[in-house]
Every structure is written in C-alpha cells, then in structure tokens.
C-alpha cells in the first residue's frame, strides 16, 4: 500500500491530479490541491507514481507504509 500527499506550498493549482483521480484529490478553499480525507491510500503504486510525475511542480509525494518516499525519477 502507498499513500499520497500534496505539498501545498509547491502546488500551482493546475489540477492535473484532480483530472486523473477525482476520487482522491480536490481543491481546498484556497484553490490548492489536497487529498480528500480518507482517500490517501486509494491509489495503487503505479497510478500514484504516474499522477505524481504528471504534477508540473512535483507537489505530490508518494510514500510507502513506513513513511519513506518513493522516488519519482
């Protein structure tokens, strides 16, 4: 299982993550992407990594259960 999170200080509000996984991501009140509560583990690793790589500002982090980040490069 992997978890995703958004580094909001890095988010540019482009919304690619929302387009790719609307069941996992949404815009908050400041129009920044965030993970919908309870949905941080809803993606399989390959999908989570693909979505994170598609983020123009690399504001999405994919983590293993132990909290270590999965490299995107």
C-alpha atoms as a PDB file:
ATOM      1  CA  UNK A   1       0.000   0.000   0.000  1.00  0.00           C
ATOM      2  CA  UNK A   2       1.153   3.534  -0.753  1.00  0.00           C
ATOM      3  CA  UNK A   3      -0.113   6.882   0.415  1.00  0.00           C
ATOM      4  CA  UNK A   4      -0.152  10.208  -1.395  1.00  0.00           C
ATOM      5  CA  UNK A   5       0.049  13.704  -0.026  1.00  0.00           C
ATOM      6  CA  UNK A   6       0.228  17.185  -1.507  1.00  0.00           C
ATOM      7  CA  UNK A   7       2.884  19.714  -0.562  1.00  0.00           C
ATOM      8  CA  UNK A   8       0.588  22.712  -0.749  1.00  0.00           C
ATOM      9  CA  UNK A   9       3.438  25.250  -0.694  1.00  0.00           C
ATOM     10  CA  UNK A  10       4.514  23.733  -4.026  1.00  0.00           C
ATOM     11  CA  UNK A  11       1.038  23.388  -5.595  1.00  0.00           C
ATOM     12  CA  UNK A  12       0.292  25.660  -8.581  1.00  0.00           C
ATOM     13  CA  UNK A  13      -3.442  24.766  -8.746  1.00  0.00           C
ATOM     14  CA  UNK A  14      -3.229  23.341 -12.258  1.00  0.00           C
ATOM     15  CA  UNK A  15      -5.464  20.409 -11.349  1.00  0.00           C
ATOM     16  CA  UNK A  16      -3.921  17.547 -13.285  1.00  0.00           C
ATOM     17  CA  UNK A  17      -4.204  15.375 -10.176  1.00  0.00           C
ATOM     18  CA  UNK A  18      -7.916  16.172  -9.925  1.00  0.00           C
ATOM     19  CA  UNK A  19      -8.422  15.244 -13.569  1.00  0.00           C
ATOM     20  CA  UNK A  20      -6.509  11.974 -13.126  1.00  0.00           C
ATOM     21  CA  UNK A  21      -8.029  10.933  -9.780  1.00  0.00           C
ATOM     22  CA  UNK A  22     -11.113  12.972  -8.836  1.00  0.00           C
ATOM     23  CA  UNK A  23     -11.952  10.396  -6.171  1.00  0.00           C
ATOM     24  CA  UNK A  24      -8.647  11.161  -4.388  1.00  0.00           C
ATOM     25  CA  UNK A  25      -7.875  14.854  -4.981  1.00  0.00           C
ATOM     26  CA  UNK A  26      -9.896  18.071  -4.743  1.00  0.00           C
ATOM     27  CA  UNK A  27      -9.288  21.809  -4.468  1.00  0.00           C
ATOM     28  CA  UNK A  28      -9.408  23.299  -0.981  1.00  0.00           C
ATOM     29  CA  UNK A  29     -10.820  26.737  -0.111  1.00  0.00           C
ATOM     30  CA  UNK A  30      -7.591  28.350  -1.347  1.00  0.00           C
ATOM     31  CA  UNK A  31      -7.840  26.522  -4.695  1.00  0.00           C
ATOM     32  CA  UNK A  32      -4.866  24.308  -3.845  1.00  0.00           C
ATOM     33  CA  UNK A  33      -4.958  20.576  -4.410  1.00  0.00           C
ATOM     34  CA  UNK A  34      -5.452  18.386  -1.381  1.00  0.00           C
ATOM     35  CA  UNK A  35      -6.120  14.728  -0.737  1.00  0.00           C
ATOM     36  CA  UNK A  36      -9.722  14.007   0.168  1.00  0.00           C
ATOM     37  CA  UNK A  37      -9.765  12.817   3.807  1.00  0.00           C
ATOM     38  CA  UNK A  38      -9.598   9.040   3.978  1.00  0.00           C
ATOM     39  CA  UNK A  39      -8.531   8.671   0.338  1.00  0.00           C
ATOM     40  CA  UNK A  40      -4.758   8.962   0.746  1.00  0.00           C
ATOM     41  CA  UNK A  41      -4.319   5.196   0.273  1.00  0.00           C
ATOM     42  CA  UNK A  42      -6.849   4.726  -2.522  1.00  0.00           C
ATOM     43  CA  UNK A  43      -4.357   4.502  -5.407  1.00  0.00           C
ATOM     44  CA  UNK A  44      -2.118   1.626  -6.395  1.00  0.00           C
ATOM     45  CA  UNK A  45       1.599   2.408  -6.554  1.00  0.00           C
ATOM     46  CA  UNK A  46       1.864   2.654 -10.342  1.00  0.00           C
ATOM     47  CA  UNK A  47      -1.085   5.055 -10.593  1.00  0.00           C
ATOM     48  CA  UNK A  48       0.103   7.176  -7.665  1.00  0.00           C
ATOM     49  CA  UNK A  49       3.593   7.495  -9.144  1.00  0.00           C
ATOM     50  CA  UNK A  50       2.194   8.370 -12.596  1.00  0.00           C
ATOM     51  CA  UNK A  51      -0.012  11.101 -11.131  1.00  0.00           C
ATOM     52  CA  UNK A  52       2.859  12.475  -9.036  1.00  0.00           C
ATOM     53  CA  UNK A  53       5.131  12.546 -12.096  1.00  0.00           C
ATOM     54  CA  UNK A  54       2.435  14.416 -14.043  1.00  0.00           C
ATOM     55  CA  UNK A  55       2.363  17.218 -11.471  1.00  0.00           C
ATOM     56  CA  UNK A  56       4.271  20.097 -13.112  1.00  0.00           C
ATOM     57  CA  UNK A  57       5.682  21.282  -9.795  1.00  0.00           C
ATOM     58  CA  UNK A  58       6.196  17.826  -8.238  1.00  0.00           C
ATOM     59  CA  UNK A  59       3.894  18.807  -5.363  1.00  0.00           C
ATOM     60  CA  UNK A  60       2.626  15.240  -4.866  1.00  0.00           C
ATOM     61  CA  UNK A  61       4.572  12.831  -2.697  1.00  0.00           C
ATOM     62  CA  UNK A  62       4.053   9.062  -2.815  1.00  0.00           C
ATOM     63  CA  UNK A  63       5.045   7.248   0.359  1.00  0.00           C
ATOM     64  CA  UNK A  64       5.366   3.640   1.434  1.00  0.00           C
ATOM     65  CA  UNK A  65       3.591   2.434   4.570  1.00  0.00           C
ATOM     66  CA  UNK A  66       6.748   3.112   6.586  1.00  0.00           C
ATOM     67  CA  UNK A  67       6.633   6.779   5.518  1.00  0.00           C
ATOM     68  CA  UNK A  68       9.601   6.656   3.151  1.00  0.00           C
ATOM     69  CA  UNK A  69       9.122   8.499  -0.121  1.00  0.00           C
ATOM     70  CA  UNK A  70       9.051   6.585  -3.385  1.00  0.00           C
ATOM     71  CA  UNK A  71      11.479   8.215  -5.853  1.00  0.00           C
ATOM     72  CA  UNK A  72       9.774   9.714  -8.896  1.00  0.00           C
ATOM     73  CA  UNK A  73      12.844   9.922 -11.136  1.00  0.00           C
END
